[in-house]
């Protein structure tokens, strides 16, 4: 599943005001690890329909990235209830993404 493209106008509605967990990759276009991670996230999105998967370009929207202390690309943030609950910087394997998602899926099962 393709990642939802975020911008300043839709960030709050799709992330901080979302009614479900949201995993956001902060990326830049010329970043090889960012492209590799996007492929991992797209595959994970196919398996986790209860989580929204999105991406935000740090070059086009640096103020949003800085607001969430994103200083490098790729950085992946997991939001739930409008709060940032987990973060990883750099390329990470699918297993680490699954660990992040397991935390919110376990909470949702309670």
PDB file of N, CA and C in Angstrom:
ATOM      1  N   UNK A   1       0.851  -1.177   0.000  1.00  0.00           N
ATOM      2  CA  UNK A   1       0.000   0.000   0.000  1.00  0.00           C
ATOM      3  C   UNK A   1       0.898   1.240   0.000  1.00  0.00           C
ATOM      4  N   UNK A   2       0.544   2.200  -0.813  1.00  0.00           N
ATOM      5  CA  UNK A   2       1.323   3.437  -0.914  1.00  0.00           C
ATOM      6  C   UNK A   2       1.152   4.274   0.359  1.00  0.00           C
ATOM      7  N   UNK A   3       2.222   4.956   0.752  1.00  0.00           N
ATOM      8  CA  UNK A   3       2.167   5.835   1.918  1.00  0.00           C
ATOM      9  C   UNK A   3       1.388   7.096   1.573  1.00  0.00           C
ATOM     10  N   UNK A   4       0.617   7.595   2.521  1.00  0.00           N
ATOM     11  CA  UNK A   4      -0.120   8.849   2.339  1.00  0.00           C
ATOM     12  C   UNK A   4       0.879   9.993   2.379  1.00  0.00           C
ATOM     13  N   UNK A   5       0.797  10.881   1.407  1.00  0.00           N
ATOM     14  CA  UNK A   5       1.706  12.031   1.364  1.00  0.00           C
ATOM     15  C   UNK A   5       1.163  13.147   2.250  1.00  0.00           C
ATOM     16  N   UNK A   6       1.966  13.541   3.220  1.00  0.00           N
ATOM     17  CA  UNK A   6       1.564  14.594   4.150  1.00  0.00           C
ATOM     18  C   UNK A   6       2.128  15.941   3.731  1.00  0.00           C
ATOM     19  N   UNK A   7       1.410  16.997   4.109  1.00  0.00           N
ATOM     20  CA  UNK A   7       1.898  18.365   3.942  1.00  0.00           C
ATOM     21  C   UNK A   7       1.419  19.171   5.143  1.00  0.00           C
ATOM     22  N   UNK A   8       1.736  20.451   5.166  1.00  0.00           N
ATOM     23  CA  UNK A   8       1.338  21.289   6.314  1.00  0.00           C
ATOM     24  C   UNK A   8      -0.169  21.326   6.497  1.00  0.00           C
ATOM     25  N   UNK A   9      -0.895  21.332   5.386  1.00  0.00           N
ATOM     26  CA  UNK A   9      -2.349  21.485   5.454  1.00  0.00           C
ATOM     27  C   UNK A   9      -3.057  20.245   6.000  1.00  0.00           C
ATOM     28  N   UNK A  10      -2.546  19.052   5.700  1.00  0.00           N
ATOM     29  CA  UNK A  10      -3.269  17.852   6.128  1.00  0.00           C
ATOM     30  C   UNK A  10      -2.633  17.137   7.321  1.00  0.00           C
ATOM     31  N   UNK A  11      -1.497  17.610   7.814  1.00  0.00           N
ATOM     32  CA  UNK A  11      -0.787  16.905   8.880  1.00  0.00           C
ATOM     33  C   UNK A  11      -1.648  16.733  10.130  1.00  0.00           C
ATOM     34  N   UNK A  12      -2.233  17.795  10.623  1.00  0.00           N
ATOM     35  CA  UNK A  12      -3.027  17.685  11.858  1.00  0.00           C
ATOM     36  C   UNK A  12      -4.206  16.736  11.687  1.00  0.00           C
ATOM     37  N   UNK A  13      -4.945  16.889  10.604  1.00  0.00           N
ATOM     38  CA  UNK A  13      -6.122  16.043  10.394  1.00  0.00           C
ATOM     39  C   UNK A  13      -5.749  14.568  10.255  1.00  0.00           C
ATOM     40  N   UNK A  14      -4.651  14.283   9.578  1.00  0.00           N
ATOM     41  CA  UNK A  14      -4.285  12.894   9.314  1.00  0.00           C
ATOM     42  C   UNK A  14      -3.387  12.270  10.373  1.00  0.00           C
ATOM     43  N   UNK A  15      -2.749  13.099  11.199  1.00  0.00           N
ATOM     44  CA  UNK A  15      -1.810  12.549  12.182  1.00  0.00           C
ATOM     45  C   UNK A  15      -2.220  12.897  13.610  1.00  0.00           C
ATOM     46  N   UNK A  16      -2.149  14.158  13.984  1.00  0.00           N
ATOM     47  CA  UNK A  16      -2.365  14.507  15.391  1.00  0.00           C
ATOM     48  C   UNK A  16      -3.826  14.410  15.819  1.00  0.00           C
ATOM     49  N   UNK A  17      -4.749  14.474  14.875  1.00  0.00           N
ATOM     50  CA  UNK A  17      -6.170  14.337  15.203  1.00  0.00           C
ATOM     51  C   UNK A  17      -6.737  12.991  14.756  1.00  0.00           C
ATOM     52  N   UNK A  18      -5.888  12.065  14.381  1.00  0.00           N
ATOM     53  CA  UNK A  18      -6.323  10.776  13.843  1.00  0.00           C
ATOM     54  C   UNK A  18      -6.999   9.925  14.907  1.00  0.00           C
ATOM     55  N   UNK A  19      -7.932   9.111  14.458  1.00  0.00           N
ATOM     56  CA  UNK A  19      -8.652   8.213  15.358  1.00  0.00           C
ATOM     57  C   UNK A  19      -7.996   6.836  15.452  1.00  0.00           C
ATOM     58  N   UNK A  20      -6.806   6.722  14.893  1.00  0.00           N
ATOM     59  CA  UNK A  20      -6.059   5.463  14.944  1.00  0.00           C
ATOM     60  C   UNK A  20      -4.567   5.779  14.939  1.00  0.00           C
ATOM     61  N   UNK A  21      -3.722   4.800  15.243  1.00  0.00           N
ATOM     62  CA  UNK A  21      -2.278   5.048  15.224  1.00  0.00           C
ATOM     63  C   UNK A  21      -1.807   5.447  13.822  1.00  0.00           C
ATOM     64  N   UNK A  22      -0.767   6.270  13.784  1.00  0.00           N
ATOM     65  CA  UNK A  22      -0.204   6.731  12.514  1.00  0.00           C
ATOM     66  C   UNK A  22       1.315   6.600  12.573  1.00  0.00           C
ATOM     67  N   UNK A  23       1.883   5.938  11.571  1.00  0.00           N
ATOM     68  CA  UNK A  23       3.327   5.808  11.440  1.00  0.00           C
ATOM     69  C   UNK A  23       3.768   6.741  10.320  1.00  0.00           C
ATOM     70  N   UNK A  24       4.666   7.669  10.632  1.00  0.00           N
ATOM     71  CA  UNK A  24       5.098   8.677   9.657  1.00  0.00           C
ATOM     72  C   UNK A  24       6.593   8.546   9.402  1.00  0.00           C
ATOM     73  N   UNK A  25       6.954   8.418   8.123  1.00  0.00           N
ATOM     74  CA  UNK A  25       8.362   8.471   7.734  1.00  0.00           C
ATOM     75  C   UNK A  25       8.671   9.890   7.283  1.00  0.00           C
ATOM     76  N   UNK A  26       9.614  10.530   7.955  1.00  0.00           N
ATOM     77  CA  UNK A  26      10.129  11.823   7.519  1.00  0.00           C
ATOM     78  C   UNK A  26      11.319  11.510   6.614  1.00  0.00           C
ATOM     79  N   UNK A  27      11.261  11.960   5.364  1.00  0.00           N
ATOM     80  CA  UNK A  27      12.235  11.570   4.354  1.00  0.00           C
ATOM     81  C   UNK A  27      12.707  12.777   3.550  1.00  0.00           C
ATOM     82  N   UNK A  28      13.718  12.547   2.711  1.00  0.00           N
ATOM     83  CA  UNK A  28      14.104  13.520   1.687  1.00  0.00           C
ATOM     84  C   UNK A  28      14.278  12.745   0.383  1.00  0.00           C
ATOM     85  N   UNK A  29      13.998  13.397  -0.728  1.00  0.00           N
ATOM     86  CA  UNK A  29      13.958  12.712  -2.017  1.00  0.00           C
ATOM     87  C   UNK A  29      15.277  12.068  -2.421  1.00  0.00           C
ATOM     88  N   UNK A  30      16.398  12.679  -2.146  1.00  0.00           N
ATOM     89  CA  UNK A  30      17.681  12.134  -2.567  1.00  0.00           C
ATOM     90  C   UNK A  30      18.277  11.117  -1.620  1.00  0.00           C
ATOM     91  N   UNK A  31      17.520  10.646  -0.693  1.00  0.00           N
ATOM     92  CA  UNK A  31      18.009   9.779   0.386  1.00  0.00           C
ATOM     93  C   UNK A  31      17.744   8.305   0.055  1.00  0.00           C
ATOM     94  N   UNK A  32      18.818   7.558  -0.220  1.00  0.00           N
ATOM     95  CA  UNK A  32      18.681   6.136  -0.526  1.00  0.00           C
ATOM     96  C   UNK A  32      18.050   5.330   0.595  1.00  0.00           C
ATOM     97  N   UNK A  33      18.511   5.489   1.844  1.00  0.00           N
ATOM     98  CA  UNK A  33      17.885   4.755   2.941  1.00  0.00           C
ATOM     99  C   UNK A  33      16.396   5.099   3.109  1.00  0.00           C
ATOM    100  N   UNK A  34      16.018   6.323   2.762  1.00  0.00           N
ATOM    101  CA  UNK A  34      14.606   6.720   2.846  1.00  0.00           C
ATOM    102  C   UNK A  34      13.760   5.903   1.872  1.00  0.00           C
ATOM    103  N   UNK A  35      14.265   5.740   0.660  1.00  0.00           N
ATOM    104  CA  UNK A  35      13.532   4.963  -0.343  1.00  0.00           C
ATOM    105  C   UNK A  35      13.431   3.497   0.073  1.00  0.00           C
ATOM    106  N   UNK A  36      14.514   2.957   0.620  1.00  0.00           N
ATOM    107  CA  UNK A  36      14.500   1.571   1.084  1.00  0.00           C
ATOM    108  C   UNK A  36      13.503   1.397   2.223  1.00  0.00           C
ATOM    109  N   UNK A  37      13.471   2.342   3.142  1.00  0.00           N
ATOM    110  CA  UNK A  37      12.536   2.265   4.261  1.00  0.00           C
ATOM    111  C   UNK A  37      11.098   2.405   3.785  1.00  0.00           C
ATOM    112  N   UNK A  38      10.852   3.250   2.805  1.00  0.00           N
ATOM    113  CA  UNK A  38       9.495   3.406   2.275  1.00  0.00           C
ATOM    114  C   UNK A  38       8.968   2.073   1.757  1.00  0.00           C
ATOM    115  N   UNK A  39       9.826   1.287   1.130  1.00  0.00           N
ATOM    116  CA  UNK A  39       9.423  -0.034   0.644  1.00  0.00           C
ATOM    117  C   UNK A  39       9.030  -0.942   1.808  1.00  0.00           C
ATOM    118  N   UNK A  40       9.801  -0.892   2.885  1.00  0.00           N
ATOM    119  CA  UNK A  40       9.489  -1.675   4.088  1.00  0.00           C
ATOM    120  C   UNK A  40       8.144  -1.233   4.666  1.00  0.00           C
ATOM    121  N   UNK A  41       7.924   0.076   4.742  1.00  0.00           N
ATOM    122  CA  UNK A  41       6.679   0.594   5.320  1.00  0.00           C
ATOM    123  C   UNK A  41       5.475   0.264   4.446  1.00  0.00           C
ATOM    124  N   UNK A  42       5.635   0.318   3.136  1.00  0.00           N
ATOM    125  CA  UNK A  42       4.532  -0.033   2.243  1.00  0.00           C
ATOM    126  C   UNK A  42       4.127  -1.491   2.430  1.00  0.00           C
ATOM    127  N   UNK A  43       5.102  -2.374   2.601  1.00  0.00           N
ATOM    128  CA  UNK A  43       4.803  -3.784   2.848  1.00  0.00           C
ATOM    129  C   UNK A  43       4.114  -3.961   4.201  1.00  0.00           C
ATOM    130  N   UNK A  44       4.570  -3.242   5.206  1.00  0.00           N
ATOM    131  CA  UNK A  44       3.942  -3.324   6.533  1.00  0.00           C
ATOM    132  C   UNK A  44       2.513  -2.797   6.495  1.00  0.00           C
ATOM    133  N   UNK A  45       2.277  -1.773   5.701  1.00  0.00           N
ATOM    134  CA  UNK A  45       0.935  -1.190   5.600  1.00  0.00           C
ATOM    135  C   UNK A  45      -0.073  -2.211   5.095  1.00  0.00           C
ATOM    136  N   UNK A  46       0.367  -3.102   4.222  1.00  0.00           N
ATOM    137  CA  UNK A  46      -0.530  -4.141   3.713  1.00  0.00           C
ATOM    138  C   UNK A  46      -0.975  -5.097   4.814  1.00  0.00           C
ATOM    139  N   UNK A  47      -0.190  -5.202   5.870  1.00  0.00           N
ATOM    140  CA  UNK A  47      -0.478  -6.143   6.956  1.00  0.00           C
ATOM    141  C   UNK A  47      -1.155  -5.491   8.165  1.00  0.00           C
ATOM    142  N   UNK A  48      -1.222  -4.175   8.203  1.00  0.00           N
ATOM    143  CA  UNK A  48      -1.739  -3.467   9.381  1.00  0.00           C
ATOM    144  C   UNK A  48      -2.770  -2.420   8.956  1.00  0.00           C
ATOM    145  N   UNK A  49      -3.959  -2.864   8.652  1.00  0.00           N
ATOM    146  CA  UNK A  49      -4.993  -1.941   8.162  1.00  0.00           C
ATOM    147  C   UNK A  49      -5.510  -1.006   9.251  1.00  0.00           C
ATOM    148  N   UNK A  50      -5.227  -1.316  10.506  1.00  0.00           N
ATOM    149  CA  UNK A  50      -5.681  -0.469  11.613  1.00  0.00           C
ATOM    150  C   UNK A  50      -4.727   0.693  11.895  1.00  0.00           C
ATOM    151  N   UNK A  51      -3.619   0.757  11.158  1.00  0.00           N
ATOM    152  CA  UNK A  51      -2.626   1.816  11.328  1.00  0.00           C
ATOM    153  C   UNK A  51      -2.534   2.597  10.025  1.00  0.00           C
ATOM    154  N   UNK A  52      -2.481   3.919  10.125  1.00  0.00           N
ATOM    155  CA  UNK A  52      -2.284   4.764   8.940  1.00  0.00           C
ATOM    156  C   UNK A  52      -0.779   4.924   8.725  1.00  0.00           C
ATOM    157  N   UNK A  53      -0.332   4.752   7.495  1.00  0.00           N
ATOM    158  CA  UNK A  53       1.075   4.899   7.123  1.00  0.00           C
ATOM    159  C   UNK A  53       1.208   6.116   6.228  1.00  0.00           C
ATOM    160  N   UNK A  54       2.138   7.006   6.582  1.00  0.00           N
ATOM    161  CA  UNK A  54       2.266   8.264   5.847  1.00  0.00           C
ATOM    162  C   UNK A  54       3.731   8.663   5.738  1.00  0.00           C
ATOM    163  N   UNK A  55       3.971   9.662   4.890  1.00  0.00           N
ATOM    164  CA  UNK A  55       5.332  10.153   4.686  1.00  0.00           C
ATOM    165  C   UNK A  55       5.314  11.662   4.527  1.00  0.00           C
ATOM    166  N   UNK A  56       6.366  12.306   5.032  1.00  0.00           N
ATOM    167  CA  UNK A  56       6.481  13.760   4.930  1.00  0.00           C
ATOM    168  C   UNK A  56       7.889  14.133   4.504  1.00  0.00           C
ATOM    169  N   UNK A  57       7.976  14.979   3.492  1.00  0.00           N
ATOM    170  CA  UNK A  57       9.248  15.439   2.934  1.00  0.00           C
ATOM    171  C   UNK A  57       9.844  16.510   3.853  1.00  0.00           C
ATOM    172  N   UNK A  58      10.998  16.212   4.433  1.00  0.00           N
ATOM    173  CA  UNK A  58      11.626  17.149   5.373  1.00  0.00           C
ATOM    174  C   UNK A  58      12.210  18.374   4.680  1.00  0.00           C
ATOM    175  N   UNK A  59      12.495  18.256   3.398  1.00  0.00           N
ATOM    176  CA  UNK A  59      13.032  19.401   2.657  1.00  0.00           C
ATOM    177  C   UNK A  59      11.922  20.403   2.353  1.00  0.00           C
ATOM    178  N   UNK A  60      10.767  19.906   1.955  1.00  0.00           N
ATOM    179  CA  UNK A  60       9.640  20.789   1.648  1.00  0.00           C
ATOM    180  C   UNK A  60       8.980  21.352   2.901  1.00  0.00           C
ATOM    181  N   UNK A  61       9.011  20.589   3.993  1.00  0.00           N
ATOM    182  CA  UNK A  61       8.316  21.004   5.217  1.00  0.00           C
ATOM    183  C   UNK A  61       9.238  20.894   6.433  1.00  0.00           C
ATOM    184  N   UNK A  62      10.337  21.643   6.435  1.00  0.00           N
ATOM    185  CA  UNK A  62      11.297  21.532   7.539  1.00  0.00           C
ATOM    186  C   UNK A  62      10.727  21.973   8.881  1.00  0.00           C
ATOM    187  N   UNK A  63       9.794  22.911   8.870  1.00  0.00           N
ATOM    188  CA  UNK A  63       9.230  23.383  10.136  1.00  0.00           C
ATOM    189  C   UNK A  63       8.437  22.293  10.843  1.00  0.00           C
ATOM    190  N   UNK A  64       7.755  21.453  10.095  1.00  0.00           N
ATOM    191  CA  UNK A  64       7.024  20.341  10.708  1.00  0.00           C
ATOM    192  C   UNK A  64       8.020  19.325  11.263  1.00  0.00           C
ATOM    193  N   UNK A  65       9.050  19.030  10.491  1.00  0.00           N
ATOM    194  CA  UNK A  65      10.073  18.093  10.960  1.00  0.00           C
ATOM    195  C   UNK A  65      10.716  18.589  12.258  1.00  0.00           C
ATOM    196  N   UNK A  66      11.087  19.859  12.288  1.00  0.00           N
ATOM    197  CA  UNK A  66      11.716  20.420  13.491  1.00  0.00           C
ATOM    198  C   UNK A  66      10.764  20.413  14.680  1.00  0.00           C
ATOM    199  N   UNK A  67       9.480  20.607  14.428  1.00  0.00           N
ATOM    200  CA  UNK A  67       8.492  20.608  15.515  1.00  0.00           C
ATOM    201  C   UNK A  67       8.466  19.267  16.246  1.00  0.00           C
ATOM    202  N   UNK A  68       8.861  18.202  15.541  1.00  0.00           N
ATOM    203  CA  UNK A  68       8.889  16.871  16.151  1.00  0.00           C
ATOM    204  C   UNK A  68      10.320  16.370  16.372  1.00  0.00           C
ATOM    205  N   UNK A  69      11.266  17.316  16.427  1.00  0.00           N
ATOM    206  CA  UNK A  69      12.671  17.002  16.700  1.00  0.00           C
ATOM    207  C   UNK A  69      13.284  16.037  15.693  1.00  0.00           C
ATOM    208  N   UNK A  70      12.838  16.113  14.453  1.00  0.00           N
ATOM    209  CA  UNK A  70      13.418  15.294  13.390  1.00  0.00           C
ATOM    210  C   UNK A  70      14.630  16.040  12.845  1.00  0.00           C
ATOM    211  N   UNK A  71      15.804  15.457  13.023  1.00  0.00           N
ATOM    212  CA  UNK A  71      17.041  16.109  12.598  1.00  0.00           C
ATOM    213  C   UNK A  71      17.753  15.353  11.484  1.00  0.00           C
ATOM    214  N   UNK A  72      17.264  14.162  11.136  1.00  0.00           N
ATOM    215  CA  UNK A  72      17.899  13.358  10.096  1.00  0.00           C
ATOM    216  C   UNK A  72      16.833  12.573   9.349  1.00  0.00           C
ATOM    217  N   UNK A  73      17.156  12.228   8.115  1.00  0.00           N
ATOM    218  CA  UNK A  73      16.241  11.419   7.315  1.00  0.00           C
ATOM    219  C   UNK A  73      16.945  10.108   6.957  1.00  0.00           C
ATOM    220  N   UNK A  74      16.207   9.008   7.047  1.00  0.00           N
ATOM    221  CA  UNK A  74      14.819   8.925   7.467  1.00  0.00           C
ATOM    222  C   UNK A  74      14.685   8.881   8.986  1.00  0.00           C
ATOM    223  N   UNK A  75      13.600   9.426   9.453  1.00  0.00           N
ATOM    224  CA  UNK A  75      13.173   9.272  10.839  1.00  0.00           C
ATOM    225  C   UNK A  75      11.729   8.809  10.798  1.00  0.00           C
ATOM    226  N   UNK A  76      11.429   7.788  11.570  1.00  0.00           N
ATOM    227  CA  UNK A  76      10.077   7.239  11.607  1.00  0.00           C
ATOM    228  C   UNK A  76       9.487   7.491  12.982  1.00  0.00           C
ATOM    229  N   UNK A  77       8.325   8.129  13.001  1.00  0.00           N
ATOM    230  CA  UNK A  77       7.630   8.420  14.255  1.00  0.00           C
ATOM    231  C   UNK A  77       6.304   7.689  14.275  1.00  0.00           C
ATOM    232  N   UNK A  78       5.953   7.165  15.432  1.00  0.00           N
ATOM    233  CA  UNK A  78       4.658   6.530  15.624  1.00  0.00           C
ATOM    234  C   UNK A  78       3.836   7.413  16.544  1.00  0.00           C
ATOM    235  N   UNK A  79       2.649   7.774  16.089  1.00  0.00           N
ATOM    236  CA  UNK A  79       1.727   8.613  16.851  1.00  0.00           C
ATOM    237  C   UNK A  79       0.508   7.795  17.247  1.00  0.00           C
ATOM    238  N   UNK A  80       0.012   8.070  18.444  1.00  0.00           N
ATOM    239  CA  UNK A  80      -1.263   7.501  18.873  1.00  0.00           C
ATOM    240  C   UNK A  80      -1.954   8.541  19.736  1.00  0.00           C
ATOM    241  N   UNK A  81      -3.211   8.790  19.439  1.00  0.00           N
ATOM    242  CA  UNK A  81      -3.950   9.797  20.184  1.00  0.00           C
ATOM    243  C   UNK A  81      -3.322  11.175  20.074  1.00  0.00           C
ATOM    244  N   UNK A  82      -2.665  11.438  18.941  1.00  0.00           N
ATOM    245  CA  UNK A  82      -2.037  12.732  18.725  1.00  0.00           C
ATOM    246  C   UNK A  82      -0.676  12.907  19.369  1.00  0.00           C
ATOM    247  N   UNK A  83      -0.220  11.890  20.106  1.00  0.00           N
ATOM    248  CA  UNK A  83       1.078  11.965  20.786  1.00  0.00           C
ATOM    249  C   UNK A  83       2.098  11.073  20.091  1.00  0.00           C
ATOM    250  N   UNK A  84       3.317  11.534  20.066  1.00  0.00           N
ATOM    251  CA  UNK A  84       4.422  10.720  19.556  1.00  0.00           C
ATOM    252  C   UNK A  84       4.767   9.700  20.626  1.00  0.00           C
ATOM    253  N   UNK A  85       4.688   8.417  20.289  1.00  0.00           N
ATOM    254  CA  UNK A  85       4.938   7.383  21.294  1.00  0.00           C
ATOM    255  C   UNK A  85       6.186   6.547  21.014  1.00  0.00           C
ATOM    256  N   UNK A  86       6.721   6.643  19.801  1.00  0.00           N
ATOM    257  CA  UNK A  86       7.948   5.908  19.491  1.00  0.00           C
ATOM    258  C   UNK A  86       8.629   6.593  18.313  1.00  0.00           C
ATOM    259  N   UNK A  87       9.935   6.397  18.218  1.00  0.00           N
ATOM    260  CA  UNK A  87      10.702   7.011  17.131  1.00  0.00           C
ATOM    261  C   UNK A  87      11.956   6.196  16.864  1.00  0.00           C
ATOM    262  N   UNK A  88      12.335   6.130  15.599  1.00  0.00           N
ATOM    263  CA  UNK A  88      13.613   5.545  15.202  1.00  0.00           C
ATOM    264  C   UNK A  88      14.207   6.422  14.109  1.00  0.00           C
ATOM    265  N   UNK A  89      15.520   6.535  14.124  1.00  0.00           N
ATOM    266  CA  UNK A  89      16.215   7.319  13.105  1.00  0.00           C
ATOM    267  C   UNK A  89      17.061   6.385  12.262  1.00  0.00           C
ATOM    268  N   UNK A  90      17.052   6.623  10.963  1.00  0.00           N
ATOM    269  CA  UNK A  90      17.811   5.804  10.030  1.00  0.00           C
ATOM    270  C   UNK A  90      16.968   4.667   9.490  1.00  0.00           C
ATOM    271  N   UNK A  91      17.578   3.934   8.574  1.00  0.00           N
ATOM    272  CA  UNK A  91      16.899   2.760   8.023  1.00  0.00           C
ATOM    273  C   UNK A  91      16.801   1.703   9.111  1.00  0.00           C
ATOM    274  N   UNK A  92      15.655   1.091   9.236  1.00  0.00           N
ATOM    275  CA  UNK A  92      15.478  -0.014  10.178  1.00  0.00           C
ATOM    276  C   UNK A  92      14.788  -1.159   9.442  1.00  0.00           C
ATOM    277  N   UNK A  93      15.069  -2.387   9.840  1.00  0.00           N
ATOM    278  CA  UNK A  93      14.434  -3.521   9.182  1.00  0.00           C
ATOM    279  C   UNK A  93      12.967  -3.652   9.576  1.00  0.00           C
ATOM    280  N   UNK A  94      12.268  -4.452   8.840  1.00  0.00           N
ATOM    281  CA  UNK A  94      10.835  -4.679   9.055  1.00  0.00           C
ATOM    282  C   UNK A  94      10.546  -5.106  10.497  1.00  0.00           C
ATOM    283  N   UNK A  95      11.449  -5.890  11.076  1.00  0.00           N
ATOM    284  CA  UNK A  95      11.235  -6.378  12.446  1.00  0.00           C
ATOM    285  C   UNK A  95      11.101  -5.232  13.443  1.00  0.00           C
ATOM    286  N   UNK A  96      11.882  -4.185  13.270  1.00  0.00           N
ATOM    287  CA  UNK A  96      11.795  -3.035  14.188  1.00  0.00           C
ATOM    288  C   UNK A  96      10.481  -2.299  14.000  1.00  0.00           C
ATOM    289  N   UNK A  97      10.034  -2.180  12.762  1.00  0.00           N
ATOM    290  CA  UNK A  97       8.736  -1.551  12.495  1.00  0.00           C
ATOM    291  C   UNK A  97       7.630  -2.377  13.145  1.00  0.00           C
ATOM    292  N   UNK A  98       7.728  -3.697  13.041  1.00  0.00           N
ATOM    293  CA  UNK A  98       6.725  -4.578  13.654  1.00  0.00           C
ATOM    294  C   UNK A  98       6.711  -4.422  15.176  1.00  0.00           C
ATOM    295  N   UNK A  99       7.882  -4.224  15.786  1.00  0.00           N
ATOM    296  CA  UNK A  99       7.942  -3.985  17.236  1.00  0.00           C
ATOM    297  C   UNK A  99       7.192  -2.709  17.606  1.00  0.00           C
ATOM    298  N   UNK A 100       7.396  -1.664  16.815  1.00  0.00           N
ATOM    299  CA  UNK A 100       6.703  -0.400  17.075  1.00  0.00           C
ATOM    300  C   UNK A 100       5.189  -0.602  17.005  1.00  0.00           C
ATOM    301  N   UNK A 101       4.758  -1.301  15.972  1.00  0.00           N
ATOM    302  CA  UNK A 101       3.322  -1.491  15.759  1.00  0.00           C
ATOM    303  C   UNK A 101       2.700  -2.416  16.796  1.00  0.00           C
ATOM    304  N   UNK A 102       3.462  -3.387  17.274  1.00  0.00           N
ATOM    305  CA  UNK A 102       2.938  -4.322  18.273  1.00  0.00           C
ATOM    306  C   UNK A 102       2.494  -3.591  19.531  1.00  0.00           C
ATOM    307  N   UNK A 103       3.203  -2.551  19.900  1.00  0.00           N
ATOM    308  CA  UNK A 103       2.851  -1.796  21.110  1.00  0.00           C
ATOM    309  C   UNK A 103       1.461  -1.181  20.997  1.00  0.00           C
ATOM    310  N   UNK A 104       1.143  -0.586  19.857  1.00  0.00           N
ATOM    311  CA  UNK A 104      -0.178   0.041  19.719  1.00  0.00           C
ATOM    312  C   UNK A 104      -1.259  -0.991  19.463  1.00  0.00           C
ATOM    313  N   UNK A 105      -0.911  -2.093  18.828  1.00  0.00           N
ATOM    314  CA  UNK A 105      -1.916  -3.122  18.584  1.00  0.00           C
ATOM    315  C   UNK A 105      -2.290  -3.836  19.870  1.00  0.00           C
ATOM    316  N   UNK A 106      -1.336  -4.018  20.779  1.00  0.00           N
ATOM    317  CA  UNK A 106      -1.639  -4.630  22.070  1.00  0.00           C
ATOM    318  C   UNK A 106      -2.532  -3.720  22.900  1.00  0.00           C
ATOM    319  N   UNK A 107      -2.266  -2.415  22.859  1.00  0.00           N
ATOM    320  CA  UNK A 107      -3.110  -1.465  23.587  1.00  0.00           C
ATOM    321  C   UNK A 107      -4.524  -1.483  23.047  1.00  0.00           C
ATOM    322  N   UNK A 108      -4.658  -1.546  21.724  1.00  0.00           N
ATOM    323  CA  UNK A 108      -5.971  -1.541  21.092  1.00  0.00           C
ATOM    324  C   UNK A 108      -6.774  -2.793  21.382  1.00  0.00           C
ATOM    325  N   UNK A 109      -6.092  -3.887  21.718  1.00  0.00           N
ATOM    326  CA  UNK A 109      -6.772  -5.146  21.999  1.00  0.00           C
ATOM    327  C   UNK A 109      -7.342  -5.193  23.407  1.00  0.00           C
ATOM    328  N   UNK A 110      -6.925  -4.261  24.253  1.00  0.00           N
ATOM    329  CA  UNK A 110      -7.396  -4.265  25.651  1.00  0.00           C
ATOM    330  C   UNK A 110      -8.771  -3.688  25.787  1.00  0.00           C
TER     331      UNK A 110
END
